[in-house]
Amino acid sequence: MFYCTAGKDRTGWLAAIILTALGVDERTVVADYLMTNTCFTTGRGAAGRQRLLESLRTFIDDAQIILPVINADPAYLAAAFGEARRIYGTFGAFCRRGLQLDVAQLRRNLLA
């Protein structure tokens, strides 16, 4: 398990990379990423969201300006995948060359 404050940027991207490398379909990866919004607006997550908003409001008064910073949006994930593919040609090449990730070893470690 791993997490960060909002769960959508570094953590969300890392989860999307791992899930995709493991062969999870894109629709499921995006749905997993968007769960951040649900988890961050209900239960204990709502309290954390409120604290974060209050902290950010010390710098910015308008909550509408802050929301893109803390909400997960499928366009963010699409942009990250798009950039990885633009630079490396394929997601697999991004994993191999960009991250120097041994996908076969990752699969053995996580799916065994």
PDB file of N, CA and C in Angstrom:
ATOM      1  N   MET A   1       0.848  -1.171   0.000  1.00  0.00           N
ATOM      2  CA  MET A   1       0.000   0.000   0.000  1.00  0.00           C
ATOM      3  C   MET A   1       0.892   1.232   0.000  1.00  0.00           C
ATOM      4  N   PHE A   2       0.473   2.223  -0.744  1.00  0.00           N
ATOM      5  CA  PHE A   2       1.180   3.493  -0.773  1.00  0.00           C
ATOM      6  C   PHE A   2       0.155   4.592  -0.971  1.00  0.00           C
ATOM      7  N   TYR A   3       0.481   5.787  -0.530  1.00  0.00           N
ATOM      8  CA  TYR A   3      -0.464   6.885  -0.640  1.00  0.00           C
ATOM      9  C   TYR A   3       0.269   8.208  -0.582  1.00  0.00           C
ATOM     10  N   CYS A   4      -0.462   9.263  -0.937  1.00  0.00           N
ATOM     11  CA  CYS A   4       0.032  10.622  -0.760  1.00  0.00           C
ATOM     12  C   CYS A   4      -1.152  11.483  -0.342  1.00  0.00           C
ATOM     13  N   THR A   5      -0.975  12.761  -0.265  1.00  0.00           N
ATOM     14  CA  THR A   5      -2.021  13.647   0.229  1.00  0.00           C
ATOM     15  C   THR A   5      -3.311  13.521  -0.562  1.00  0.00           C
ATOM     16  N   ALA A   6      -3.247  13.645  -1.868  1.00  0.00           N
ATOM     17  CA  ALA A   6      -4.462  13.580  -2.678  1.00  0.00           C
ATOM     18  C   ALA A   6      -4.596  12.252  -3.415  1.00  0.00           C
ATOM     19  N   GLY A   7      -3.509  11.539  -3.630  1.00  0.00           N
ATOM     20  CA  GLY A   7      -3.568  10.241  -4.276  1.00  0.00           C
ATOM     21  C   GLY A   7      -3.756  10.280  -5.777  1.00  0.00           C
ATOM     22  N   LYS A   8      -3.508  11.407  -6.388  1.00  0.00           N
ATOM     23  CA  LYS A   8      -3.795  11.503  -7.824  1.00  0.00           C
ATOM     24  C   LYS A   8      -2.580  11.847  -8.670  1.00  0.00           C
ATOM     25  N   ASP A   9      -1.584  12.384  -8.095  1.00  0.00           N
ATOM     26  CA  ASP A   9      -0.442  12.820  -8.894  1.00  0.00           C
ATOM     27  C   ASP A   9       0.638  11.738  -8.904  1.00  0.00           C
ATOM     28  N   ARG A  10       1.637  11.848  -8.076  1.00  0.00           N
ATOM     29  CA  ARG A  10       2.696  10.823  -8.063  1.00  0.00           C
ATOM     30  C   ARG A  10       2.131   9.448  -7.761  1.00  0.00           C
ATOM     31  N   THR A  11       1.295   9.353  -6.743  1.00  0.00           N
ATOM     32  CA  THR A  11       0.741   8.064  -6.359  1.00  0.00           C
ATOM     33  C   THR A  11      -0.222   7.539  -7.408  1.00  0.00           C
ATOM     34  N   GLY A  12      -1.071   8.388  -7.923  1.00  0.00           N
ATOM     35  CA  GLY A  12      -2.012   7.963  -8.958  1.00  0.00           C
ATOM     36  C   GLY A  12      -1.304   7.507 -10.214  1.00  0.00           C
ATOM     37  N   TRP A  13      -0.267   8.224 -10.604  1.00  0.00           N
ATOM     38  CA  TRP A  13       0.490   7.870 -11.797  1.00  0.00           C
ATOM     39  C   TRP A  13       1.248   6.568 -11.565  1.00  0.00           C
ATOM     40  N   LEU A  14       1.840   6.405 -10.385  1.00  0.00           N
ATOM     41  CA  LEU A  14       2.550   5.161 -10.067  1.00  0.00           C
ATOM     42  C   LEU A  14       1.588   3.975 -10.107  1.00  0.00           C
ATOM     43  N   ALA A  15       0.429   4.122  -9.507  1.00  0.00           N
ATOM     44  CA  ALA A  15      -0.555   3.040  -9.536  1.00  0.00           C
ATOM     45  C   ALA A  15      -0.970   2.725 -10.965  1.00  0.00           C
ATOM     46  N   ALA A  16      -1.173   3.742 -11.784  1.00  0.00           N
ATOM     47  CA  ALA A  16      -1.565   3.539 -13.183  1.00  0.00           C
ATOM     48  C   ALA A  16      -0.460   2.819 -13.955  1.00  0.00           C
ATOM     49  N   ILE A  17       0.791   3.181 -13.699  1.00  0.00           N
ATOM     50  CA  ILE A  17       1.918   2.515 -14.358  1.00  0.00           C
ATOM     51  C   ILE A  17       1.944   1.037 -13.977  1.00  0.00           C
ATOM     52  N   ILE A  18       1.862   0.758 -12.692  1.00  0.00           N
ATOM     53  CA  ILE A  18       1.935  -0.628 -12.223  1.00  0.00           C
ATOM     54  C   ILE A  18       0.775  -1.444 -12.776  1.00  0.00           C
ATOM     55  N   LEU A  19      -0.437  -0.924 -12.659  1.00  0.00           N
ATOM     56  CA  LEU A  19      -1.601  -1.663 -13.151  1.00  0.00           C
ATOM     57  C   LEU A  19      -1.503  -1.923 -14.651  1.00  0.00           C
ATOM     58  N   THR A  20      -1.094  -0.917 -15.409  1.00  0.00           N
ATOM     59  CA  THR A  20      -0.974  -1.082 -16.856  1.00  0.00           C
ATOM     60  C   THR A  20       0.113  -2.092 -17.194  1.00  0.00           C
ATOM     61  N   ALA A  21       1.246  -2.003 -16.509  1.00  0.00           N
ATOM     62  CA  ALA A  21       2.338  -2.954 -16.744  1.00  0.00           C
ATOM     63  C   ALA A  21       1.902  -4.385 -16.419  1.00  0.00           C
ATOM     64  N   LEU A  22       0.986  -4.527 -15.471  1.00  0.00           N
ATOM     65  CA  LEU A  22       0.488  -5.855 -15.106  1.00  0.00           C
ATOM     66  C   LEU A  22      -0.586  -6.360 -16.060  1.00  0.00           C
ATOM     67  N   GLY A  23      -0.984  -5.515 -17.014  1.00  0.00           N
ATOM     68  CA  GLY A  23      -1.953  -5.941 -18.008  1.00  0.00           C
ATOM     69  C   GLY A  23      -3.389  -5.551 -17.727  1.00  0.00           C
ATOM     70  N   VAL A  24      -3.609  -4.699 -16.748  1.00  0.00           N
ATOM     71  CA  VAL A  24      -4.961  -4.237 -16.436  1.00  0.00           C
ATOM     72  C   VAL A  24      -5.421  -3.321 -17.567  1.00  0.00           C
ATOM     73  N   ASP A  25      -6.678  -3.472 -17.997  1.00  0.00           N
ATOM     74  CA  ASP A  25      -7.182  -2.667 -19.115  1.00  0.00           C
ATOM     75  C   ASP A  25      -7.320  -1.196 -18.715  1.00  0.00           C
ATOM     76  N   GLU A  26      -7.257  -0.333 -19.722  1.00  0.00           N
ATOM     77  CA  GLU A  26      -7.250   1.117 -19.498  1.00  0.00           C
ATOM     78  C   GLU A  26      -8.489   1.602 -18.743  1.00  0.00           C
ATOM     79  N   ARG A  27      -9.656   1.074 -19.076  1.00  0.00           N
ATOM     80  CA  ARG A  27     -10.889   1.495 -18.402  1.00  0.00           C
ATOM     81  C   ARG A  27     -10.820   1.237 -16.892  1.00  0.00           C
ATOM     82  N   THR A  28     -10.278   0.102 -16.513  1.00  0.00           N
ATOM     83  CA  THR A  28     -10.141  -0.238 -15.093  1.00  0.00           C
ATOM     84  C   THR A  28      -9.088   0.642 -14.432  1.00  0.00           C
ATOM     85  N   VAL A  29      -7.995   0.920 -15.138  1.00  0.00           N
ATOM     86  CA  VAL A  29      -6.942   1.792 -14.593  1.00  0.00           C
ATOM     87  C   VAL A  29      -7.511   3.186 -14.331  1.00  0.00           C
ATOM     88  N   VAL A  30      -8.270   3.721 -15.263  1.00  0.00           N
ATOM     89  CA  VAL A  30      -8.870   5.046 -15.088  1.00  0.00           C
ATOM     90  C   VAL A  30      -9.878   5.020 -13.942  1.00  0.00           C
ATOM     91  N   ALA A  31     -10.686   3.980 -13.854  1.00  0.00           N
ATOM     92  CA  ALA A  31     -11.659   3.872 -12.762  1.00  0.00           C
ATOM     93  C   ALA A  31     -10.952   3.832 -11.406  1.00  0.00           C
ATOM     94  N   ASP A  32      -9.840   3.105 -11.338  1.00  0.00           N
ATOM     95  CA  ASP A  32      -9.059   3.045 -10.103  1.00  0.00           C
ATOM     96  C   ASP A  32      -8.528   4.434  -9.743  1.00  0.00           C
ATOM     97  N   TYR A  33      -8.007   5.128 -10.737  1.00  0.00           N
ATOM     98  CA  TYR A  33      -7.481   6.486 -10.532  1.00  0.00           C
ATOM     99  C   TYR A  33      -8.580   7.422 -10.024  1.00  0.00           C
ATOM    100  N   LEU A  34      -9.765   7.318 -10.589  1.00  0.00           N
ATOM    101  CA  LEU A  34     -10.867   8.209 -10.215  1.00  0.00           C
ATOM    102  C   LEU A  34     -11.458   7.881  -8.846  1.00  0.00           C
ATOM    103  N   MET A  35     -11.137   6.711  -8.306  1.00  0.00           N
ATOM    104  CA  MET A  35     -11.593   6.397  -6.946  1.00  0.00           C
ATOM    105  C   MET A  35     -11.037   7.395  -5.936  1.00  0.00           C
ATOM    106  N   THR A  36      -9.955   8.054  -6.296  1.00  0.00           N
ATOM    107  CA  THR A  36      -9.405   9.108  -5.437  1.00  0.00           C
ATOM    108  C   THR A  36     -10.476  10.132  -5.099  1.00  0.00           C
ATOM    109  N   ASN A  37     -11.266  10.518  -6.094  1.00  0.00           N
ATOM    110  CA  ASN A  37     -12.307  11.521  -5.852  1.00  0.00           C
ATOM    111  C   ASN A  37     -13.331  11.016  -4.846  1.00  0.00           C
ATOM    112  N   THR A  38     -13.737   9.765  -4.965  1.00  0.00           N
ATOM    113  CA  THR A  38     -14.713   9.196  -4.038  1.00  0.00           C
ATOM    114  C   THR A  38     -14.117   9.074  -2.644  1.00  0.00           C
ATOM    115  N   CYS A  39     -12.916   8.538  -2.564  1.00  0.00           N
ATOM    116  CA  CYS A  39     -12.287   8.327  -1.258  1.00  0.00           C
ATOM    117  C   CYS A  39     -11.928   9.636  -0.575  1.00  0.00           C
ATOM    118  N   PHE A  40     -11.740  10.672  -1.351  1.00  0.00           N
ATOM    119  CA  PHE A  40     -11.335  11.959  -0.795  1.00  0.00           C
ATOM    120  C   PHE A  40     -12.531  12.850  -0.461  1.00  0.00           C
ATOM    121  N   THR A  41     -13.739  12.357  -0.726  1.00  0.00           N
ATOM    122  CA  THR A  41     -14.924  13.165  -0.427  1.00  0.00           C
ATOM    123  C   THR A  41     -15.900  12.450   0.494  1.00  0.00           C
ATOM    124  N   THR A  42     -15.547  11.268   0.956  1.00  0.00           N
ATOM    125  CA  THR A  42     -16.419  10.526   1.874  1.00  0.00           C
ATOM    126  C   THR A  42     -15.616  10.041   3.072  1.00  0.00           C
ATOM    127  N   GLY A  43     -16.304   9.812   4.173  1.00  0.00           N
ATOM    128  CA  GLY A  43     -15.658   9.255   5.357  1.00  0.00           C
ATOM    129  C   GLY A  43     -14.477  10.061   5.839  1.00  0.00           C
ATOM    130  N   ARG A  44     -13.427   9.346   6.255  1.00  0.00           N
ATOM    131  CA  ARG A  44     -12.234  10.023   6.773  1.00  0.00           C
ATOM    132  C   ARG A  44     -11.543  10.856   5.706  1.00  0.00           C
ATOM    133  N   GLY A  45     -11.690  10.455   4.456  1.00  0.00           N
ATOM    134  CA  GLY A  45     -11.078  11.210   3.367  1.00  0.00           C
ATOM    135  C   GLY A  45     -11.627  12.626   3.271  1.00  0.00           C
ATOM    136  N   ALA A  46     -12.912  12.785   3.586  1.00  0.00           N
ATOM    137  CA  ALA A  46     -13.524  14.120   3.523  1.00  0.00           C
ATOM    138  C   ALA A  46     -12.880  15.060   4.528  1.00  0.00           C
ATOM    139  N   ALA A  47     -12.549  14.553   5.702  1.00  0.00           N
ATOM    140  CA  ALA A  47     -11.889  15.390   6.712  1.00  0.00           C
ATOM    141  C   ALA A  47     -10.510  15.820   6.224  1.00  0.00           C
ATOM    142  N   GLY A  48      -9.778  14.903   5.605  1.00  0.00           N
ATOM    143  CA  GLY A  48      -8.467  15.240   5.059  1.00  0.00           C
ATOM    144  C   GLY A  48      -8.570  16.254   3.937  1.00  0.00           C
ATOM    145  N   ARG A  49      -9.575  16.088   3.098  1.00  0.00           N
ATOM    146  CA  ARG A  49      -9.805  17.037   2.007  1.00  0.00           C
ATOM    147  C   ARG A  49     -10.087  18.420   2.567  1.00  0.00           C
ATOM    148  N   GLN A  50     -10.915  18.478   3.607  1.00  0.00           N
ATOM    149  CA  GLN A  50     -11.260  19.753   4.215  1.00  0.00           C
ATOM    150  C   GLN A  50     -10.022  20.439   4.792  1.00  0.00           C
ATOM    151  N   ARG A  51      -9.176  19.670   5.471  1.00  0.00           N
ATOM    152  CA  ARG A  51      -7.939  20.242   6.024  1.00  0.00           C
ATOM    153  C   ARG A  51      -7.035  20.765   4.905  1.00  0.00           C
ATOM    154  N   LEU A  52      -6.940  20.000   3.835  1.00  0.00           N
ATOM    155  CA  LEU A  52      -6.115  20.429   2.706  1.00  0.00           C
ATOM    156  C   LEU A  52      -6.666  21.704   2.083  1.00  0.00           C
ATOM    157  N   LEU A  53      -7.973  21.754   1.875  1.00  0.00           N
ATOM    158  CA  LEU A  53      -8.594  22.964   1.313  1.00  0.00           C
ATOM    159  C   LEU A  53      -8.342  24.173   2.206  1.00  0.00           C
ATOM    160  N   GLU A  54      -8.508  23.994   3.512  1.00  0.00           N
ATOM    161  CA  GLU A  54      -8.270  25.101   4.441  1.00  0.00           C
ATOM    162  C   GLU A  54      -6.823  25.566   4.376  1.00  0.00           C
ATOM    163  N   SER A  55      -5.906  24.625   4.280  1.00  0.00           N
ATOM    164  CA  SER A  55      -4.495  24.978   4.186  1.00  0.00           C
ATOM    165  C   SER A  55      -4.216  25.745   2.892  1.00  0.00           C
ATOM    166  N   LEU A  56      -4.771  25.269   1.785  1.00  0.00           N
ATOM    167  CA  LEU A  56      -4.557  25.937   0.502  1.00  0.00           C
ATOM    168  C   LEU A  56      -5.226  27.302   0.450  1.00  0.00           C
ATOM    169  N   ARG A  57      -6.327  27.457   1.158  1.00  0.00           N
ATOM    170  CA  ARG A  57      -7.042  28.744   1.155  1.00  0.00           C
ATOM    171  C   ARG A  57      -6.241  29.862   1.816  1.00  0.00           C
ATOM    172  N   THR A  58      -5.208  29.509   2.559  1.00  0.00           N
ATOM    173  CA  THR A  58      -4.356  30.565   3.114  1.00  0.00           C
ATOM    174  C   THR A  58      -3.596  31.271   1.992  1.00  0.00           C
ATOM    175  N   PHE A  59      -3.472  30.588   0.845  1.00  0.00           N
ATOM    176  CA  PHE A  59      -2.785  31.159  -0.308  1.00  0.00           C
ATOM    177  C   PHE A  59      -3.750  31.646  -1.381  1.00  0.00           C
ATOM    178  N   ILE A  60      -4.904  30.956  -1.498  1.00  0.00           N
ATOM    179  CA  ILE A  60      -5.872  31.247  -2.556  1.00  0.00           C
ATOM    180  C   ILE A  60      -7.261  31.246  -1.942  1.00  0.00           C
ATOM    181  N   ASP A  61      -8.021  32.305  -2.142  1.00  0.00           N
ATOM    182  CA  ASP A  61      -9.345  32.420  -1.542  1.00  0.00           C
ATOM    183  C   ASP A  61     -10.421  31.613  -2.261  1.00  0.00           C
ATOM    184  N   ASP A  62     -10.355  31.524  -3.562  1.00  0.00           N
ATOM    185  CA  ASP A  62     -11.419  30.916  -4.354  1.00  0.00           C
ATOM    186  C   ASP A  62     -11.224  29.400  -4.448  1.00  0.00           C
ATOM    187  N   ALA A  63     -12.126  28.631  -3.820  1.00  0.00           N
ATOM    188  CA  ALA A  63     -12.019  27.170  -3.810  1.00  0.00           C
ATOM    189  C   ALA A  63     -12.086  26.577  -5.220  1.00  0.00           C
ATOM    190  N   GLN A  64     -12.790  27.218  -6.123  1.00  0.00           N
ATOM    191  CA  GLN A  64     -12.906  26.705  -7.487  1.00  0.00           C
ATOM    192  C   GLN A  64     -11.544  26.662  -8.181  1.00  0.00           C
ATOM    193  N   ILE A  65     -10.674  27.581  -7.826  1.00  0.00           N
ATOM    194  CA  ILE A  65      -9.328  27.593  -8.397  1.00  0.00           C
ATOM    195  C   ILE A  65      -8.504  26.441  -7.830  1.00  0.00           C
ATOM    196  N   ILE A  66      -8.770  26.069  -6.590  1.00  0.00           N
ATOM    197  CA  ILE A  66      -8.014  25.029  -5.907  1.00  0.00           C
ATOM    198  C   ILE A  66      -8.422  23.625  -6.353  1.00  0.00           C
ATOM    199  N   LEU A  67      -9.676  23.437  -6.717  1.00  0.00           N
ATOM    200  CA  LEU A  67     -10.190  22.093  -6.994  1.00  0.00           C
ATOM    201  C   LEU A  67      -9.384  21.295  -8.029  1.00  0.00           C
ATOM    202  N   PRO A  68      -8.929  21.879  -9.121  1.00  0.00           N
ATOM    203  CA  PRO A  68      -8.122  21.075 -10.055  1.00  0.00           C
ATOM    204  C   PRO A  68      -6.831  20.530  -9.437  1.00  0.00           C
ATOM    205  N   VAL A  69      -6.368  21.181  -8.391  1.00  0.00           N
ATOM    206  CA  VAL A  69      -5.155  20.728  -7.725  1.00  0.00           C
ATOM    207  C   VAL A  69      -5.425  19.455  -6.922  1.00  0.00           C
ATOM    208  N   ILE A  70      -6.632  19.303  -6.393  1.00  0.00           N
ATOM    209  CA  ILE A  70      -6.905  18.155  -5.527  1.00  0.00           C
ATOM    210  C   ILE A  70      -7.837  17.112  -6.142  1.00  0.00           C
ATOM    211  N   ASN A  71      -8.510  17.426  -7.225  1.00  0.00           N
ATOM    212  CA  ASN A  71      -9.403  16.453  -7.857  1.00  0.00           C
ATOM    213  C   ASN A  71      -8.656  15.647  -8.913  1.00  0.00           C
ATOM    214  N   ALA A  72      -8.998  14.372  -9.008  1.00  0.00           N
ATOM    215  CA  ALA A  72      -8.471  13.526 -10.078  1.00  0.00           C
ATOM    216  C   ALA A  72      -9.348  13.731 -11.304  1.00  0.00           C
ATOM    217  N   ASP A  73      -8.721  13.858 -12.452  1.00  0.00           N
ATOM    218  CA  ASP A  73      -9.438  14.061 -13.706  1.00  0.00           C
ATOM    219  C   ASP A  73      -8.838  13.091 -14.721  1.00  0.00           C
ATOM    220  N   PRO A  74      -9.686  12.357 -15.444  1.00  0.00           N
ATOM    221  CA  PRO A  74      -9.123  11.404 -16.408  1.00  0.00           C
ATOM    222  C   PRO A  74      -8.206  12.061 -17.437  1.00  0.00           C
ATOM    223  N   ALA A  75      -8.396  13.341 -17.690  1.00  0.00           N
ATOM    224  CA  ALA A  75      -7.529  14.043 -18.643  1.00  0.00           C
ATOM    225  C   ALA A  75      -6.087  14.103 -18.141  1.00  0.00           C
ATOM    226  N   TYR A  76      -5.895  14.166 -16.826  1.00  0.00           N
ATOM    227  CA  TYR A  76      -4.536  14.197 -16.279  1.00  0.00           C
ATOM    228  C   TYR A  76      -3.817  12.885 -16.586  1.00  0.00           C
ATOM    229  N   LEU A  77      -4.511  11.793 -16.367  1.00  0.00           N
ATOM    230  CA  LEU A  77      -3.928  10.479 -16.620  1.00  0.00           C
ATOM    231  C   LEU A  77      -3.703  10.273 -18.116  1.00  0.00           C
ATOM    232  N   ALA A  78      -4.656  10.690 -18.916  1.00  0.00           N
ATOM    233  CA  ALA A  78      -4.513  10.578 -20.377  1.00  0.00           C
ATOM    234  C   ALA A  78      -3.301  11.371 -20.854  1.00  0.00           C
ATOM    235  N   ALA A  79      -3.077  12.547 -20.279  1.00  0.00           N
ATOM    236  CA  ALA A  79      -1.925  13.367 -20.663  1.00  0.00           C
ATOM    237  C   ALA A  79      -0.615  12.675 -20.295  1.00  0.00           C
ATOM    238  N   ALA A  80      -0.569  12.052 -19.125  1.00  0.00           N
ATOM    239  CA  ALA A  80       0.646  11.356 -18.697  1.00  0.00           C
ATOM    240  C   ALA A  80       0.948  10.176 -19.616  1.00  0.00           C
ATOM    241  N   PHE A  81      -0.076   9.360 -19.910  1.00  0.00           N
ATOM    242  CA  PHE A  81       0.130   8.238 -20.834  1.00  0.00           C
ATOM    243  C   PHE A  81       0.508   8.751 -22.222  1.00  0.00           C
ATOM    244  N   GLY A  82      -0.145   9.808 -22.652  1.00  0.00           N
ATOM    245  CA  GLY A  82       0.152  10.380 -23.964  1.00  0.00           C
ATOM    246  C   GLY A  82       1.588  10.851 -24.072  1.00  0.00           C
ATOM    247  N   GLU A  83       2.081  11.485 -23.040  1.00  0.00           N
ATOM    248  CA  GLU A  83       3.462  11.976 -23.047  1.00  0.00           C
ATOM    249  C   GLU A  83       4.451  10.811 -23.035  1.00  0.00           C
ATOM    250  N   ALA A  84       4.152   9.785 -22.245  1.00  0.00           N
ATOM    251  CA  ALA A  84       5.024   8.609 -22.216  1.00  0.00           C
ATOM    252  C   ALA A  84       5.097   7.971 -23.598  1.00  0.00           C
ATOM    253  N   ARG A  85       3.960   7.873 -24.267  1.00  0.00           N
ATOM    254  CA  ARG A  85       3.927   7.274 -25.610  1.00  0.00           C
ATOM    255  C   ARG A  85       4.576   8.192 -26.653  1.00  0.00           C
ATOM    256  N   ARG A  86       4.405   9.495 -26.494  1.00  0.00           N
ATOM    257  CA  ARG A  86       5.008  10.439 -27.436  1.00  0.00           C
ATOM    258  C   ARG A  86       6.532  10.339 -27.382  1.00  0.00           C
ATOM    259  N   ILE A  87       7.064  10.261 -26.192  1.00  0.00           N
ATOM    260  CA  ILE A  87       8.523  10.237 -26.036  1.00  0.00           C
ATOM    261  C   ILE A  87       9.107   8.866 -26.361  1.00  0.00           C
ATOM    262  N   TYR A  88       8.438   7.785 -25.921  1.00  0.00           N
ATOM    263  CA  TYR A  88       9.006   6.445 -26.047  1.00  0.00           C
ATOM    264  C   TYR A  88       8.355   5.583 -27.126  1.00  0.00           C
ATOM    265  N   GLY A  89       7.284   6.057 -27.724  1.00  0.00           N
ATOM    266  CA  GLY A  89       6.626   5.312 -28.784  1.00  0.00           C
ATOM    267  C   GLY A  89       5.528   4.390 -28.292  1.00  0.00           C
ATOM    268  N   THR A  90       5.804   3.647 -27.242  1.00  0.00           N
ATOM    269  CA  THR A  90       4.808   2.743 -26.652  1.00  0.00           C
ATOM    270  C   THR A  90       4.927   2.795 -25.134  1.00  0.00           C
ATOM    271  N   PHE A  91       3.887   2.323 -24.477  1.00  0.00           N
ATOM    272  CA  PHE A  91       3.947   2.262 -23.020  1.00  0.00           C
ATOM    273  C   PHE A  91       5.015   1.266 -22.575  1.00  0.00           C
ATOM    274  N   GLY A  92       5.124   0.148 -23.290  1.00  0.00           N
ATOM    275  CA  GLY A  92       6.142  -0.842 -22.953  1.00  0.00           C
ATOM    276  C   GLY A  92       7.546  -0.275 -23.036  1.00  0.00           C
ATOM    277  N   ALA A  93       7.805   0.514 -24.076  1.00  0.00           N
ATOM    278  CA  ALA A  93       9.121   1.151 -24.210  1.00  0.00           C
ATOM    279  C   ALA A  93       9.354   2.162 -23.094  1.00  0.00           C
ATOM    280  N   PHE A  94       8.310   2.870 -22.707  1.00  0.00           N
ATOM    281  CA  PHE A  94       8.418   3.796 -21.568  1.00  0.00           C
ATOM    282  C   PHE A  94       8.846   3.036 -20.324  1.00  0.00           C
ATOM    283  N   CYS A  95       8.215   1.885 -20.079  1.00  0.00           N
ATOM    284  CA  CYS A  95       8.564   1.084 -18.905  1.00  0.00           C
ATOM    285  C   CYS A  95      10.013   0.594 -18.986  1.00  0.00           C
ATOM    286  N   ARG A  96      10.375   0.040 -20.142  1.00  0.00           N
ATOM    287  CA  ARG A  96      11.713  -0.547 -20.297  1.00  0.00           C
ATOM    288  C   ARG A  96      12.816   0.496 -20.319  1.00  0.00           C
ATOM    289  N   ARG A  97      12.671   1.473 -21.217  1.00  0.00           N
ATOM    290  CA  ARG A  97      13.753   2.448 -21.400  1.00  0.00           C
ATOM    291  C   ARG A  97      13.640   3.629 -20.449  1.00  0.00           C
ATOM    292  N   GLY A  98      12.448   4.152 -20.285  1.00  0.00           N
ATOM    293  CA  GLY A  98      12.273   5.332 -19.450  1.00  0.00           C
ATOM    294  C   GLY A  98      12.400   5.044 -17.963  1.00  0.00           C
ATOM    295  N   LEU A  99      11.764   3.963 -17.533  1.00  0.00           N
ATOM    296  CA  LEU A  99      11.788   3.615 -16.108  1.00  0.00           C
ATOM    297  C   LEU A  99      12.802   2.531 -15.771  1.00  0.00           C
ATOM    298  N   GLN A 100      13.363   1.915 -16.813  1.00  0.00           N
ATOM    299  CA  GLN A 100      14.268   0.777 -16.638  1.00  0.00           C
ATOM    300  C   GLN A 100      13.608  -0.290 -15.766  1.00  0.00           C
ATOM    301  N   LEU A 101      12.345  -0.538 -16.078  1.00  0.00           N
ATOM    302  CA  LEU A 101      11.528  -1.477 -15.328  1.00  0.00           C
ATOM    303  C   LEU A 101      11.529  -2.835 -16.018  1.00  0.00           C
ATOM    304  N   ASP A 102      11.779  -3.868 -15.261  1.00  0.00           N
ATOM    305  CA  ASP A 102      11.691  -5.236 -15.758  1.00  0.00           C
ATOM    306  C   ASP A 102      10.249  -5.694 -15.523  1.00  0.00           C
ATOM    307  N   VAL A 103       9.417  -5.542 -16.551  1.00  0.00           N
ATOM    308  CA  VAL A 103       7.986  -5.833 -16.425  1.00  0.00           C
ATOM    309  C   VAL A 103       7.760  -7.300 -16.094  1.00  0.00           C
ATOM    310  N   ALA A 104       8.534  -8.199 -16.673  1.00  0.00           N
ATOM    311  CA  ALA A 104       8.381  -9.623 -16.370  1.00  0.00           C
ATOM    312  C   ALA A 104       8.645  -9.889 -14.892  1.00  0.00           C
ATOM    313  N   GLN A 105       9.679  -9.261 -14.347  1.00  0.00           N
ATOM    314  CA  GLN A 105       9.981  -9.427 -12.920  1.00  0.00           C
ATOM    315  C   GLN A 105       8.882  -8.811 -12.057  1.00  0.00           C
ATOM    316  N   LEU A 106       8.373  -7.657 -12.462  1.00  0.00           N
ATOM    317  CA  LEU A 106       7.275  -7.023 -11.740  1.00  0.00           C
ATOM    318  C   LEU A 106       6.076  -7.964 -11.678  1.00  0.00           C
ATOM    319  N   ARG A 107       5.766  -8.564 -12.814  1.00  0.00           N
ATOM    320  CA  ARG A 107       4.630  -9.504 -12.858  1.00  0.00           C
ATOM    321  C   ARG A 107       4.875 -10.709 -11.978  1.00  0.00           C
ATOM    322  N   ARG A 108       6.095 -11.247 -12.001  1.00  0.00           N
ATOM    323  CA  ARG A 108       6.409 -12.388 -11.125  1.00  0.00           C
ATOM    324  C   ARG A 108       6.267 -12.000  -9.665  1.00  0.00           C
ATOM    325  N   ASN A 109       6.735 -10.805  -9.327  1.00  0.00           N
ATOM    326  CA  ASN A 109       6.688 -10.369  -7.925  1.00  0.00           C
ATOM    327  C   ASN A 109       5.280 -10.099  -7.434  1.00  0.00           C
ATOM    328  N   LEU A 110       4.448  -9.520  -8.293  1.00  0.00           N
ATOM    329  CA  LEU A 110       3.131  -9.078  -7.847  1.00  0.00           C
ATOM    330  C   LEU A 110       1.988 -10.024  -8.187  1.00  0.00           C
ATOM    331  N   LEU A 111       2.193 -10.889  -9.159  1.00  0.00           N
ATOM    332  CA  LEU A 111       1.091 -11.781  -9.568  1.00  0.00           C
ATOM    333  C   LEU A 111       1.320 -13.232  -9.186  1.00  0.00           C
ATOM    334  N   ALA A 112       2.459 -13.512  -8.574  1.00  0.00           N
ATOM    335  CA  ALA A 112       2.774 -14.907  -8.194  1.00  0.00           C
ATOM    336  C   ALA A 112       1.945 -15.352  -7.006  1.00  0.00           C
TER     337      ALA A 112
END
